[in-house]
Amino acid sequence: MSTEEQRMLSGKLYNVYGKDLAKKYAQKDHLLHQINFAEEGTDVQKLFRQLLGRTGNNVYFEPPFFCDFGGNITVGDDVYCNTNGVFLDSGKITIGSRVLIGPRVNLFAAGHPIDAGVRNQWLGFAKPITIGDDVWIGGNATLNPGVTIGSNVVIGSGSVVTHDIPANSVAAGNPCRVIRPITAADKAEWENQETEYRESLK
């Protein structure tokens, strides 16, 4: 017989209050309390490394932060997550490298059945969320269960992402949709401004 956690991670219906999940909830709650109510001088990033499943180099999360488990979140290198992130990681959440996540961004890998009779039995489901490399997610954006964001994508603030977003694109809206591709002209424009900036420092 499979455990509730095994069912959860395989995308099947599971009891969100299953006994085998209780210990993981307690561990998460303990770490989140330390993070979100940290005393001055606390190495909060060390606590985040304990909370999250795997983190690369140069990863920085701003508290407060909220999640279901923490251990189902994988983060690449050079990632910044601004304050008030809500990552419901009942399903796996995979974040690539060089990703910027704005304030109050929601990554909801957890879901509930549409049928009220089933939902009212405290049964839920989960689908993984995957974010590629070089992605910027604007503040107040929400990613729903099962969504994949391709590499080199900008998600506009306030967007609600219900479907996959292809690589090399700017997308925004509710529901989120691709507005335009990212082109060589974008690269040239911003590289020119970066050059001017660096010249101003001399």
Protein backbone atom coordinates (compact mmCIF):
# COMPACT_ATOMS: atom_id res chain seq x y z
CA MET A 1 0.00 0.00 0.00
CA SER A 2 1.41 3.41 -0.97
CA THR A 3 1.85 6.17 1.58
CA GLU A 4 0.09 9.53 1.33
CA GLU A 5 3.41 11.15 0.44
CA GLN A 6 4.01 8.65 -2.38
CA ARG A 7 0.52 9.30 -3.73
CA MET A 8 1.04 13.06 -3.43
CA LEU A 9 4.33 13.08 -5.35
CA SER A 10 2.95 10.78 -8.06
CA GLY A 11 0.04 13.13 -8.80
CA LYS A 12 -2.68 10.90 -7.32
CA LEU A 13 -5.34 11.96 -4.84
CA TYR A 14 -4.00 11.94 -1.29
CA ASN A 15 -5.20 12.87 2.19
CA VAL A 16 -3.68 16.28 2.97
CA TYR A 17 -3.78 15.39 6.68
CA GLY A 18 -2.28 11.93 6.23
CA LYS A 19 -0.41 10.67 9.30
CA ASP A 20 2.81 10.03 7.38
CA LEU A 21 2.91 13.70 6.37
CA ALA A 22 2.50 15.04 9.91
CA LYS A 23 6.20 14.77 10.80
CA LYS A 24 7.21 16.66 7.66
CA TYR A 25 4.69 19.40 8.42
CA ALA A 26 6.12 19.73 11.94
CA GLN A 27 9.72 19.98 10.68
CA LYS A 28 8.69 22.62 8.16
CA ASP A 29 6.75 24.62 10.75
CA HIS A 30 9.77 24.65 13.09
CA LEU A 31 12.13 25.97 10.41
CA LEU A 32 9.65 28.51 9.06
CA HIS A 33 9.14 29.91 12.55
CA GLN A 34 12.90 30.35 12.91
CA ILE A 35 13.09 32.01 9.49
CA ASN A 36 10.07 34.28 9.71
CA PHE A 37 10.68 35.40 13.29
CA ALA A 38 14.47 35.41 13.22
CA GLU A 39 16.35 37.38 15.82
CA GLU A 40 18.95 39.87 14.68
CA GLY A 41 22.16 38.14 13.67
CA THR A 42 20.50 34.84 12.70
CA ASP A 43 21.91 33.24 9.55
CA VAL A 44 18.54 33.02 7.81
CA GLN A 45 20.03 31.74 4.56
CA LYS A 46 21.51 28.76 6.41
CA LEU A 47 18.00 27.97 7.67
CA PHE A 48 16.65 28.23 4.13
CA ARG A 49 19.28 25.72 2.99
CA GLN A 50 18.00 23.36 5.67
CA LEU A 51 14.38 23.94 4.65
CA LEU A 52 14.68 23.58 0.89
CA GLY A 53 15.36 20.29 -0.82
CA ARG A 54 18.43 21.41 -2.76
CA THR A 55 19.97 24.81 -3.38
CA GLY A 56 22.81 25.85 -5.67
CA ASN A 57 25.37 28.57 -5.14
CA ASN A 58 24.51 32.20 -4.44
CA VAL A 59 20.86 31.64 -3.52
CA TYR A 60 19.04 34.25 -1.44
CA PHE A 61 15.46 34.08 -0.14
CA GLU A 62 13.87 37.02 1.67
CA PRO A 63 11.62 36.22 4.64
CA PRO A 64 8.83 35.94 5.36
CA PHE A 65 8.36 32.79 3.33
CA PHE A 66 5.70 30.09 3.37
CA CYS A 67 5.60 26.55 1.98
CA ASP A 68 3.95 23.15 2.46
CA PHE A 69 7.11 21.09 2.99
CA GLY A 70 10.19 22.86 1.64
CA GLY A 71 11.95 19.61 0.82
CA ASN A 72 10.20 19.34 -2.54
CA ILE A 73 11.74 22.63 -3.75
CA THR A 74 14.92 22.49 -5.84
CA VAL A 75 16.79 25.71 -6.67
CA GLY A 76 19.68 26.29 -9.08
CA ASP A 77 22.52 28.83 -8.87
CA ASP A 78 22.24 32.61 -8.60
CA VAL A 79 18.58 32.76 -7.57
CA TYR A 80 16.88 35.60 -5.69
CA CYS A 81 13.40 35.30 -4.20
CA ASN A 82 11.85 38.45 -2.79
CA THR A 83 9.67 38.68 0.30
CA ASN A 84 6.35 36.91 0.98
CA GLY A 85 6.81 33.99 -1.39
CA VAL A 86 4.20 31.23 -1.05
CA PHE A 87 5.46 27.95 -2.52
CA LEU A 88 2.96 25.12 -2.07
CA ASP A 89 5.31 22.24 -2.80
CA SER A 90 3.03 19.25 -2.41
CA GLY A 91 4.27 18.63 -5.94
CA LYS A 92 7.90 19.17 -6.85
CA ILE A 93 8.92 22.76 -7.60
CA THR A 94 12.07 23.02 -9.70
CA ILE A 95 13.67 26.44 -10.19
CA GLY A 96 16.56 26.85 -12.62
CA SER A 97 19.61 29.10 -12.40
CA ARG A 98 19.76 32.90 -12.62
CA VAL A 99 16.09 33.27 -11.71
CA LEU A 100 14.61 36.41 -10.15
CA ILE A 101 11.33 36.04 -8.25
CA GLY A 102 9.45 39.17 -7.24
CA PRO A 103 7.57 39.84 -3.99
CA ARG A 104 4.36 37.94 -3.18
CA VAL A 105 4.88 35.36 -5.92
CA ASN A 106 2.80 32.19 -5.55
CA LEU A 107 3.93 28.82 -6.84
CA PHE A 108 0.97 26.53 -6.31
CA ALA A 109 1.86 22.92 -7.10
CA ALA A 110 -1.06 21.86 -4.88
CA GLY A 111 -4.66 21.57 -6.01
CA HIS A 112 -8.07 20.29 -4.94
CA PRO A 113 -10.78 18.33 -6.78
CA ILE A 114 -13.52 20.30 -8.50
CA ASP A 115 -16.17 17.95 -7.11
CA ALA A 116 -17.14 19.21 -3.65
CA GLY A 117 -17.97 15.74 -2.33
CA VAL A 118 -14.46 14.50 -2.99
CA ARG A 119 -12.82 17.78 -1.99
CA ASN A 120 -14.65 17.80 1.36
CA GLN A 121 -12.93 14.55 2.34
CA TRP A 122 -9.67 16.56 2.57
CA LEU A 123 -8.35 14.94 -0.56
CA GLY A 124 -5.97 16.91 -2.74
CA PHE A 125 -3.62 16.42 -5.68
CA ALA A 126 -0.34 17.91 -6.79
CA LYS A 127 1.38 18.56 -10.12
CA PRO A 128 4.99 19.72 -10.48
CA ILE A 129 6.00 23.27 -11.42
CA THR A 130 9.19 23.77 -13.44
CA ILE A 131 10.93 27.10 -14.06
CA GLY A 132 13.83 27.24 -16.53
CA ASP A 133 17.03 29.27 -16.42
CA ASP A 134 17.27 33.07 -16.77
CA VAL A 135 13.64 33.69 -15.81
CA TRP A 136 12.20 36.81 -14.16
CA ILE A 137 8.81 36.47 -12.45
CA GLY A 138 7.21 39.78 -11.53
CA GLY A 139 5.57 40.50 -8.20
CA ASN A 140 2.16 39.05 -7.34
CA ALA A 141 2.35 36.47 -10.13
CA THR A 142 0.77 33.07 -9.54
CA LEU A 143 1.81 29.81 -11.17
CA ASN A 144 -0.78 27.04 -11.03
CA PRO A 145 -0.21 23.27 -10.72
CA GLY A 146 1.60 21.55 -13.58
CA VAL A 147 2.96 24.68 -15.27
CA THR A 148 6.35 24.80 -16.99
CA ILE A 149 8.09 28.12 -17.68
CA GLY A 150 10.75 27.89 -20.40
CA SER A 151 14.19 29.46 -20.11
CA ASN A 152 14.75 33.18 -20.76
CA VAL A 153 11.17 34.19 -19.98
CA VAL A 154 9.75 37.31 -18.33
CA ILE A 155 6.41 36.89 -16.52
CA GLY A 156 4.65 40.21 -15.93
CA SER A 157 3.59 41.20 -12.43
CA GLY A 158 0.13 40.08 -11.39
CA SER A 159 -0.02 37.32 -14.00
CA VAL A 160 -1.90 34.08 -13.40
CA VAL A 161 -0.11 31.31 -15.27
CA THR A 162 -2.42 28.42 -16.11
CA HIS A 163 -0.54 26.93 -19.09
CA ASP A 164 3.07 26.37 -20.12
CA ILE A 165 5.01 29.42 -21.34
CA PRO A 166 7.59 28.79 -24.11
CA ALA A 167 11.22 29.87 -23.85
CA ASN A 168 12.45 33.28 -25.00
CA SER A 169 9.21 35.16 -24.48
CA VAL A 170 7.52 37.93 -22.53
CA ALA A 171 4.18 36.82 -21.08
CA ALA A 172 1.61 38.53 -18.87
CA GLY A 173 -2.07 38.70 -17.99
CA ASN A 174 -4.86 36.72 -16.39
CA PRO A 175 -4.77 34.16 -17.80
CA CYS A 176 -1.11 34.67 -18.69
CA ARG A 177 -0.34 34.62 -22.42
CA VAL A 178 2.69 35.28 -24.56
CA ILE A 179 2.86 38.94 -25.60
CA ARG A 180 5.94 38.77 -27.78
CA PRO A 181 9.25 36.93 -28.22
CA ILE A 182 12.49 38.17 -26.72
CA THR A 183 14.70 39.18 -29.64
CA ALA A 184 18.23 40.25 -30.51
CA ALA A 185 16.97 43.86 -30.42
CA ASP A 186 16.20 43.45 -26.71
CA LYS A 187 19.71 42.17 -26.09
CA ALA A 188 21.29 45.04 -28.00
CA GLU A 189 19.17 47.70 -26.26
CA TRP A 190 19.96 46.52 -22.76
CA GLU A 191 23.60 45.80 -23.47
CA ASN A 192 23.97 49.37 -24.73
CA GLN A 193 22.42 50.71 -21.54
CA GLU A 194 24.66 48.45 -19.46
CA THR A 195 27.72 49.79 -21.31
CA GLU A 196 26.63 53.37 -20.64
CA TYR A 197 26.12 52.52 -16.97
CA ARG A 198 29.58 51.03 -16.61
CA GLU A 199 31.12 54.01 -18.38
CA SER A 200 29.41 56.31 -15.88
CA LEU A 201 31.22 54.56 -13.03
CA LYS A 202 34.69 55.39 -14.37
